[in-house]
Amino acid sequence: MFESCKAIVLMLLLILTIPVSVCRPLIGEEKEGVSKYGTQGFPQRAPVPPSGPSPCTYIPAGNGHCPTHV
């Protein structure tokens, strides 16, 4: 029984590791001009406005004016 369990575990390991090894390129096989995050890399983000108090929140006796940012 132990031999059959050992054979089943080895078969499962073999079956599960083959797809993973095919998907991952070996060291030195990276294509030139392609980062590890894809062909475009990380997209550039727009600048974030500085944080500060918001007049749009409900505060009693506030002015209630909500500026629109474009």
Protein backbone atom coordinates (compact mmCIF):
# COMPACT_ATOMS: atom_id res chain seq x y z
CA MET A 1 0.00 0.00 0.00
CA PHE A 2 2.85 2.38 0.82
CA GLU A 3 4.40 1.84 -2.60
CA SER A 4 1.13 2.68 -4.37
CA CYS A 5 0.68 5.85 -2.29
CA LYS A 6 4.25 6.88 -3.03
CA ALA A 7 3.71 6.28 -6.74
CA ILE A 8 0.50 8.35 -6.72
CA VAL A 9 2.22 11.25 -4.94
CA LEU A 10 5.13 11.18 -7.39
CA MET A 11 2.74 11.12 -10.36
CA LEU A 12 0.81 14.09 -8.95
CA LEU A 13 4.02 16.06 -8.39
CA LEU A 14 5.15 15.31 -11.91
CA ILE A 15 1.80 16.28 -13.43
CA LEU A 16 1.54 19.50 -11.43
CA THR A 17 5.12 20.73 -11.98
CA ILE A 18 5.30 20.32 -15.76
CA PRO A 19 2.79 23.14 -16.57
CA VAL A 20 4.53 25.49 -14.12
CA SER A 21 7.97 24.83 -15.57
CA VAL A 22 6.67 25.46 -19.09
CA CYS A 23 5.13 28.82 -18.13
CA ARG A 24 8.20 30.29 -16.43
CA PRO A 25 11.12 31.32 -18.67
CA LEU A 26 14.59 30.32 -17.61
CA ILE A 27 17.16 32.90 -16.56
CA GLY A 28 18.60 34.52 -19.66
CA GLU A 29 15.60 33.70 -21.85
CA GLU A 30 13.86 37.05 -21.34
CA LYS A 31 13.09 38.91 -24.54
CA GLU A 32 14.82 42.22 -25.10
CA GLY A 33 12.62 45.27 -24.61
CA VAL A 34 10.09 43.39 -22.51
CA SER A 35 10.04 43.94 -18.78
CA LYS A 36 9.00 41.20 -16.39
CA TYR A 37 5.69 43.06 -15.96
CA GLY A 38 4.75 42.85 -19.65
CA THR A 39 5.47 44.80 -22.78
CA GLN A 40 4.30 48.13 -21.37
CA GLY A 41 5.56 47.86 -17.79
CA PHE A 42 3.78 49.89 -15.17
CA PRO A 43 1.42 52.58 -16.49
CA GLN A 44 2.18 56.15 -15.50
CA ARG A 45 -0.27 57.54 -13.00
CA ALA A 46 -1.64 61.06 -12.82
CA PRO A 47 -0.44 63.24 -9.93
CA VAL A 48 -2.56 63.08 -6.80
CA PRO A 49 -3.79 66.38 -5.35
CA PRO A 50 -2.58 67.07 -1.80
CA SER A 51 -4.91 66.01 0.95
CA GLY A 52 -6.59 68.61 3.08
CA PRO A 53 -9.89 69.39 4.72
CA SER A 54 -12.90 68.98 2.46
CA PRO A 55 -15.63 71.64 2.52
CA CYS A 56 -17.98 69.08 0.96
CA THR A 57 -18.32 67.01 4.13
CA TYR A 58 -21.29 67.66 6.35
CA ILE A 59 -20.09 70.00 9.07
CA PRO A 60 -22.61 72.24 10.83
CA ALA A 61 -22.07 75.92 10.04
CA GLY A 62 -19.84 75.07 7.09
CA ASN A 63 -19.96 77.05 3.87
CA GLY A 64 -21.12 74.03 1.83
CA HIS A 65 -19.24 75.07 -1.32
CA CYS A 66 -17.84 72.05 -3.18
CA PRO A 67 -15.22 73.04 -5.77
CA THR A 68 -15.00 70.94 -8.90
CA HIS A 69 -11.54 69.75 -9.89
CA VAL A 70 -10.82 69.39 -13.57
